[in-house]
């Protein structure tokens, strides 16, 4: 049986001897929201997951990996990659290897048509986005950019940002998060 993200968050938090209050203070998410996520009573956005990941000192991909205790180099074949559609309004395919403390996190993201929920968020490090298919709307600070196939952006993740799909077609893009 697959462990839910909420259960993984709780197990990691308790393993690190952190209270809900401590995580709440670091993430600016309410204790009640964090508790509901851990109990599977509330869904979580990518923004919230990134904040929780930073507070627990793990990559967000930790919650999508079948084996969260990464230990070695590996080659991933197309058929071996994990496609996840969890509590998010998009499909998330973890392209990372199995290093214990990765310096970057490559993911293949598919945004569904008319997916424009969420507010801009920030996290540590840098982010690289390369559009493969569709038109990705990127909110970056006060600016809005429509990125087409072949377009890319490399940005500081400390700038408030979010991805949107305002079209009737799916959008697929490669996103690489690098942690400083």
C-alpha atoms as a PDB file:
ATOM      1  CA  UNK A   1       0.000   0.000   0.000  1.00  0.00           C
ATOM      2  CA  UNK A   2       1.360   3.381  -0.993  1.00  0.00           C
ATOM      3  CA  UNK A   3       2.082   5.769   1.852  1.00  0.00           C
ATOM      4  CA  UNK A   4       0.313   9.102   1.522  1.00  0.00           C
ATOM      5  CA  UNK A   5       2.211  12.370   1.503  1.00  0.00           C
ATOM      6  CA  UNK A   6       0.548  13.349   4.781  1.00  0.00           C
ATOM      7  CA  UNK A   7       1.732  10.195   6.523  1.00  0.00           C
ATOM      8  CA  UNK A   8       5.223  10.713   5.144  1.00  0.00           C
ATOM      9  CA  UNK A   9       5.263  14.305   6.399  1.00  0.00           C
ATOM     10  CA  UNK A  10       4.195  13.196   9.866  1.00  0.00           C
ATOM     11  CA  UNK A  11       6.735  10.363  10.007  1.00  0.00           C
ATOM     12  CA  UNK A  12       9.555  12.650   8.890  1.00  0.00           C
ATOM     13  CA  UNK A  13       8.486  15.422  11.279  1.00  0.00           C
ATOM     14  CA  UNK A  14       8.335  13.048  14.225  1.00  0.00           C
ATOM     15  CA  UNK A  15      11.615  11.413  13.224  1.00  0.00           C
ATOM     16  CA  UNK A  16      13.246  14.842  13.320  1.00  0.00           C
ATOM     17  CA  UNK A  17      11.560  15.514  16.699  1.00  0.00           C
ATOM     18  CA  UNK A  18       9.731  18.588  15.388  1.00  0.00           C
ATOM     19  CA  UNK A  19       6.346  19.724  16.628  1.00  0.00           C
ATOM     20  CA  UNK A  20       3.503  20.965  14.465  1.00  0.00           C
ATOM     21  CA  UNK A  21       4.057  24.359  16.061  1.00  0.00           C
ATOM     22  CA  UNK A  22       7.710  24.439  14.976  1.00  0.00           C
ATOM     23  CA  UNK A  23       6.817  23.493  11.397  1.00  0.00           C
ATOM     24  CA  UNK A  24       3.984  26.031  11.434  1.00  0.00           C
ATOM     25  CA  UNK A  25       6.366  28.802  12.489  1.00  0.00           C
ATOM     26  CA  UNK A  26       8.899  27.917   9.757  1.00  0.00           C
ATOM     27  CA  UNK A  27       6.314  27.547   6.987  1.00  0.00           C
ATOM     28  CA  UNK A  28       3.739  30.171   8.005  1.00  0.00           C
ATOM     29  CA  UNK A  29       1.091  27.445   7.576  1.00  0.00           C
ATOM     30  CA  UNK A  30      -1.427  26.988  10.360  1.00  0.00           C
ATOM     31  CA  UNK A  31      -1.090  24.134  12.829  1.00  0.00           C
ATOM     32  CA  UNK A  32      -4.623  23.005  11.997  1.00  0.00           C
ATOM     33  CA  UNK A  33      -3.835  22.884   8.264  1.00  0.00           C
ATOM     34  CA  UNK A  34      -0.640  20.901   8.881  1.00  0.00           C
ATOM     35  CA  UNK A  35      -2.543  18.487  11.104  1.00  0.00           C
ATOM     36  CA  UNK A  36      -5.254  18.022   8.479  1.00  0.00           C
ATOM     37  CA  UNK A  37      -2.625  17.307   5.798  1.00  0.00           C
ATOM     38  CA  UNK A  38      -0.908  14.749   8.015  1.00  0.00           C
ATOM     39  CA  UNK A  39      -4.233  13.015   8.679  1.00  0.00           C
ATOM     40  CA  UNK A  40      -5.208  13.061   4.994  1.00  0.00           C
ATOM     41  CA  UNK A  41      -8.135  15.407   5.645  1.00  0.00           C
ATOM     42  CA  UNK A  42      -6.824  18.213   3.451  1.00  0.00           C
ATOM     43  CA  UNK A  43      -5.019  18.293   0.116  1.00  0.00           C
ATOM     44  CA  UNK A  44      -1.735  20.121  -0.238  1.00  0.00           C
ATOM     45  CA  UNK A  45      -0.461  22.501  -2.902  1.00  0.00           C
ATOM     46  CA  UNK A  46       3.043  22.448  -4.356  1.00  0.00           C
ATOM     47  CA  UNK A  47       3.661  25.763  -2.606  1.00  0.00           C
ATOM     48  CA  UNK A  48       2.834  24.260   0.793  1.00  0.00           C
ATOM     49  CA  UNK A  49       4.790  21.081   0.091  1.00  0.00           C
ATOM     50  CA  UNK A  50       7.893  23.097  -0.782  1.00  0.00           C
ATOM     51  CA  UNK A  51       7.580  25.094   2.453  1.00  0.00           C
ATOM     52  CA  UNK A  52       7.182  21.905   4.485  1.00  0.00           C
ATOM     53  CA  UNK A  53      10.100  20.280   2.636  1.00  0.00           C
ATOM     54  CA  UNK A  54      12.348  23.218   3.500  1.00  0.00           C
ATOM     55  CA  UNK A  55      11.257  23.126   7.143  1.00  0.00           C
ATOM     56  CA  UNK A  56      12.018  19.387   7.289  1.00  0.00           C
ATOM     57  CA  UNK A  57      15.248  19.836   5.288  1.00  0.00           C
ATOM     58  CA  UNK A  58      14.397  17.486   2.412  1.00  0.00           C
ATOM     59  CA  UNK A  59      13.762  17.909  -1.285  1.00  0.00           C
ATOM     60  CA  UNK A  60      10.074  17.926  -2.277  1.00  0.00           C
ATOM     61  CA  UNK A  61      10.861  14.845  -4.401  1.00  0.00           C
ATOM     62  CA  UNK A  62      11.364  12.945  -1.127  1.00  0.00           C
ATOM     63  CA  UNK A  63       7.573  12.632  -0.925  1.00  0.00           C
ATOM     64  CA  UNK A  64       7.276  11.149  -4.425  1.00  0.00           C
ATOM     65  CA  UNK A  65      10.077   8.630  -4.252  1.00  0.00           C
ATOM     66  CA  UNK A  66       9.289   4.959  -3.687  1.00  0.00           C
ATOM     67  CA  UNK A  67      12.492   4.690  -1.696  1.00  0.00           C
ATOM     68  CA  UNK A  68      13.069   7.869   0.274  1.00  0.00           C
ATOM     69  CA  UNK A  69      16.443   6.632   1.512  1.00  0.00           C
ATOM     70  CA  UNK A  70      18.352   7.400  -1.693  1.00  0.00           C
ATOM     71  CA  UNK A  71      21.863   5.986  -1.577  1.00  0.00           C
ATOM     72  CA  UNK A  72      23.420   5.459  -5.010  1.00  0.00           C
ATOM     73  CA  UNK A  73      23.811   6.642  -8.580  1.00  0.00           C
ATOM     74  CA  UNK A  74      21.350   5.230 -11.056  1.00  0.00           C
ATOM     75  CA  UNK A  75      20.089   5.380 -14.596  1.00  0.00           C
ATOM     76  CA  UNK A  76      16.332   5.676 -14.946  1.00  0.00           C
ATOM     77  CA  UNK A  77      14.753   4.293 -18.058  1.00  0.00           C
ATOM     78  CA  UNK A  78      11.556   5.827 -19.381  1.00  0.00           C
ATOM     79  CA  UNK A  79       9.516   2.818 -18.257  1.00  0.00           C
ATOM     80  CA  UNK A  80      10.894   3.083 -14.706  1.00  0.00           C
ATOM     81  CA  UNK A  81       9.995   6.703 -14.022  1.00  0.00           C
ATOM     82  CA  UNK A  82       7.239   7.345 -11.545  1.00  0.00           C
ATOM     83  CA  UNK A  83       4.223   9.313 -12.637  1.00  0.00           C
ATOM     84  CA  UNK A  84       2.316  10.718  -9.687  1.00  0.00           C
ATOM     85  CA  UNK A  85      -1.041  12.410  -9.573  1.00  0.00           C
ATOM     86  CA  UNK A  86      -1.504  13.029  -5.910  1.00  0.00           C
ATOM     87  CA  UNK A  87      -3.204  15.951  -4.262  1.00  0.00           C
ATOM     88  CA  UNK A  88      -1.875  18.342  -6.893  1.00  0.00           C
ATOM     89  CA  UNK A  89      -3.724  19.767  -9.918  1.00  0.00           C
ATOM     90  CA  UNK A  90      -0.993  18.436 -12.191  1.00  0.00           C
ATOM     91  CA  UNK A  91       0.992  15.323 -12.998  1.00  0.00           C
ATOM     92  CA  UNK A  92       4.460  15.139 -11.503  1.00  0.00           C
ATOM     93  CA  UNK A  93       7.119  12.797 -12.879  1.00  0.00           C
ATOM     94  CA  UNK A  94      10.248  12.527 -10.752  1.00  0.00           C
ATOM     95  CA  UNK A  95      13.284  12.287 -13.029  1.00  0.00           C
ATOM     96  CA  UNK A  96      15.834  12.314 -10.223  1.00  0.00           C
ATOM     97  CA  UNK A  97      18.287   9.571  -9.492  1.00  0.00           C
ATOM     98  CA  UNK A  98      18.922   8.033  -6.136  1.00  0.00           C
ATOM     99  CA  UNK A  99      21.511  10.276  -4.526  1.00  0.00           C
ATOM    100  CA  UNK A 100      21.106  10.817  -0.805  1.00  0.00           C
ATOM    101  CA  UNK A 101      21.349  14.627  -0.767  1.00  0.00           C
ATOM    102  CA  UNK A 102      20.726  15.811  -4.328  1.00  0.00           C
ATOM    103  CA  UNK A 103      21.823  19.318  -5.270  1.00  0.00           C
ATOM    104  CA  UNK A 104      19.071  19.494  -7.863  1.00  0.00           C
ATOM    105  CA  UNK A 105      15.634  18.050  -8.476  1.00  0.00           C
ATOM    106  CA  UNK A 106      14.533  17.440 -12.080  1.00  0.00           C
ATOM    107  CA  UNK A 107      10.816  16.879 -12.619  1.00  0.00           C
ATOM    108  CA  UNK A 108       8.583  16.592 -15.653  1.00  0.00           C
ATOM    109  CA  UNK A 109       5.354  18.474 -14.999  1.00  0.00           C
ATOM    110  CA  UNK A 110       2.075  18.214 -16.898  1.00  0.00           C
ATOM    111  CA  UNK A 111      -0.417  20.982 -16.146  1.00  0.00           C
ATOM    112  CA  UNK A 112      -3.971  20.144 -17.023  1.00  0.00           C
ATOM    113  CA  UNK A 113      -6.102  22.515 -19.154  1.00  0.00           C
ATOM    114  CA  UNK A 114      -7.336  25.671 -17.382  1.00  0.00           C
ATOM    115  CA  UNK A 115      -5.167  25.061 -14.334  1.00  0.00           C
ATOM    116  CA  UNK A 116      -4.629  28.493 -12.868  1.00  0.00           C
ATOM    117  CA  UNK A 117      -5.038  28.005  -9.152  1.00  0.00           C
ATOM    118  CA  UNK A 118      -2.566  29.014  -6.527  1.00  0.00           C
ATOM    119  CA  UNK A 119      -0.641  32.092  -5.661  1.00  0.00           C
ATOM    120  CA  UNK A 120       3.010  32.876  -6.291  1.00  0.00           C
ATOM    121  CA  UNK A 121       5.380  31.285  -3.782  1.00  0.00           C
ATOM    122  CA  UNK A 122       9.080  31.297  -2.940  1.00  0.00           C
ATOM    123  CA  UNK A 123      11.578  28.651  -1.889  1.00  0.00           C
ATOM    124  CA  UNK A 124      15.331  28.274  -1.574  1.00  0.00           C
ATOM    125  CA  UNK A 125      17.643  27.910  -4.536  1.00  0.00           C
ATOM    126  CA  UNK A 126      17.201  28.394  -8.253  1.00  0.00           C
ATOM    127  CA  UNK A 127      14.757  27.012 -10.776  1.00  0.00           C
ATOM    128  CA  UNK A 128      15.113  26.202 -14.464  1.00  0.00           C
ATOM    129  CA  UNK A 129      11.996  25.660 -16.609  1.00  0.00           C
ATOM    130  CA  UNK A 130      12.009  24.391 -20.213  1.00  0.00           C
ATOM    131  CA  UNK A 131       8.651  24.148 -22.013  1.00  0.00           C
ATOM    132  CA  UNK A 132       8.131  20.991 -24.064  1.00  0.00           C
ATOM    133  CA  UNK A 133       4.478  21.283 -25.082  1.00  0.00           C
ATOM    134  CA  UNK A 134       1.714  23.890 -24.830  1.00  0.00           C
ATOM    135  CA  UNK A 135       1.802  27.454 -23.525  1.00  0.00           C
ATOM    136  CA  UNK A 136       2.951  27.852 -19.931  1.00  0.00           C
ATOM    137  CA  UNK A 137       2.055  31.087 -18.169  1.00  0.00           C
ATOM    138  CA  UNK A 138       4.688  31.932 -15.596  1.00  0.00           C
ATOM    139  CA  UNK A 139       3.982  34.479 -12.878  1.00  0.00           C
ATOM    140  CA  UNK A 140       7.329  35.924 -11.802  1.00  0.00           C
ATOM    141  CA  UNK A 141       7.208  38.730  -9.286  1.00  0.00           C
ATOM    142  CA  UNK A 142       4.973  41.401 -10.820  1.00  0.00           C
ATOM    143  CA  UNK A 143       5.530  40.061 -14.333  1.00  0.00           C
ATOM    144  CA  UNK A 144       3.641  37.490 -16.370  1.00  0.00           C
ATOM    145  CA  UNK A 145       5.316  35.536 -19.174  1.00  0.00           C
ATOM    146  CA  UNK A 146       3.817  33.134 -21.730  1.00  0.00           C
ATOM    147  CA  UNK A 147       6.415  30.485 -22.530  1.00  0.00           C
ATOM    148  CA  UNK A 148       6.044  28.391 -25.694  1.00  0.00           C
ATOM    149  CA  UNK A 149       7.718  25.092 -26.656  1.00  0.00           C
ATOM    150  CA  UNK A 150      11.479  25.603 -26.679  1.00  0.00           C
ATOM    151  CA  UNK A 151      11.305  28.638 -24.365  1.00  0.00           C
ATOM    152  CA  UNK A 152      13.088  28.473 -21.024  1.00  0.00           C
ATOM    153  CA  UNK A 153      13.797  30.537 -17.946  1.00  0.00           C
ATOM    154  CA  UNK A 154      16.438  30.295 -15.217  1.00  0.00           C
ATOM    155  CA  UNK A 155      15.479  32.218 -12.093  1.00  0.00           C
ATOM    156  CA  UNK A 156      16.105  32.715  -8.422  1.00  0.00           C
ATOM    157  CA  UNK A 157      13.420  30.792  -6.543  1.00  0.00           C
ATOM    158  CA  UNK A 158      13.328  33.549  -3.933  1.00  0.00           C
ATOM    159  CA  UNK A 159      11.327  35.619  -6.449  1.00  0.00           C
ATOM    160  CA  UNK A 160       7.601  34.910  -5.973  1.00  0.00           C
ATOM    161  CA  UNK A 161       6.504  32.645  -8.833  1.00  0.00           C
ATOM    162  CA  UNK A 162       3.886  30.155  -9.991  1.00  0.00           C
ATOM    163  CA  UNK A 163       2.960  28.170 -13.113  1.00  0.00           C
ATOM    164  CA  UNK A 164      -0.421  28.388 -14.825  1.00  0.00           C
ATOM    165  CA  UNK A 165      -2.141  26.806 -17.815  1.00  0.00           C
ATOM    166  CA  UNK A 166      -4.806  29.121 -19.161  1.00  0.00           C
ATOM    167  CA  UNK A 167      -5.313  27.146 -22.376  1.00  0.00           C
ATOM    168  CA  UNK A 168      -7.550  24.244 -23.446  1.00  0.00           C
ATOM    169  CA  UNK A 169      -4.500  22.028 -24.057  1.00  0.00           C
ATOM    170  CA  UNK A 170      -2.163  20.343 -21.599  1.00  0.00           C
ATOM    171  CA  UNK A 171       1.214  21.917 -20.876  1.00  0.00           C
ATOM    172  CA  UNK A 172       4.336  19.817 -20.333  1.00  0.00           C
ATOM    173  CA  UNK A 173       7.625  21.224 -19.083  1.00  0.00           C
ATOM    174  CA  UNK A 174      10.867  20.217 -17.457  1.00  0.00           C
ATOM    175  CA  UNK A 175      11.527  21.908 -14.132  1.00  0.00           C
ATOM    176  CA  UNK A 176      14.874  21.622 -12.383  1.00  0.00           C
ATOM    177  CA  UNK A 177      15.166  22.970  -8.860  1.00  0.00           C
ATOM    178  CA  UNK A 178      18.705  23.528  -7.624  1.00  0.00           C
ATOM    179  CA  UNK A 179      19.321  23.982  -3.926  1.00  0.00           C
ATOM    180  CA  UNK A 180      22.059  26.227  -2.588  1.00  0.00           C
END
